[in-house]
Amino acid sequence: MGSLLEVIALHPADAEAAQEGGADRLELCAAMEADGLSPSVSTVSAIRRSTDLPLRVMLRLSDSFTTNGAELNRLTAMAQSYLSAGVDGFVFGFLTPDNEVDVESTAALASTFAETPWTFHRAIDAVLVQRPAWRALRTLPGLDCVLTAGSSLGVGHGLDDLCKLANEEPAVAKVMMAGGSLQPEHVPWLYQSGVRRFHVGSSVRQDGSWTKAYVNSRFVRAWRNLLDAQDSRG
């Protein structure tokens, strides 16, 4: 399987540049100062018109990883609106107040759009004990990707743990997507450990700015070339 490159897009211009640069998939979100919240349906519709890349949209209404019944109801309604706008999947995930995977709430939301694939986001990096968390994730319906840096501080701090986990558990490596301050020098180590999915955001924007720069197609192309080079080496 060739490597997958996912790029965060906030606007149609981001989507167009990401596709031009060779991205395989887009994650749509807003409010990056809160580490990514749900975008407006109008923004999602505009992005859908600007690209034919697969789109996964963030289902998250606050900067907390916990949720409640009222919020789940809102997210369920939003998910249906996003599906009507043409998205292909979702990005979400919840933790309990004890920072364990909230299997019940996460599964409840996932069950409302059966047959639609989704990514468990970096809430996994806030879990205190990782191995039981990954086992819990395997029980969730429709989950096919887990975005993780191995640390809440980013891939630079979690690289060793990511590589160890991926090496020891091929089933984990299969769904793991490395992202969160990912740098080019991290890629060979992750690739050798069996990771084939990579996620970038600020690194494909001029000066890493979310507010002053759109995605730069040349920066995306550099990541695409890096991953293609790894694929060619096998």
Foldseek 3Di string as FASTA:
>chain_A
DFFAEEEEAAALVQLLLLVLLPHQEYEYFDDCVLPTAFDDLVRLLRNVVNDVHAYAYEQHDGSAQADDDVSLVVSLVVVVSSVVSPHQYYEHFHADPLLAGPLVSQLVSQVSDAPRAYEHEASLQSHPDNPVRVVSVVVRGRYQAYEYLCHPQGVVVRLVVLLVVLQVDVVCLRRYEYDGPDDLVSVVSSVVSNHRHYYDYLQQWVVSDPPPTHGHSNSSNVVVVSSVVSVVVD
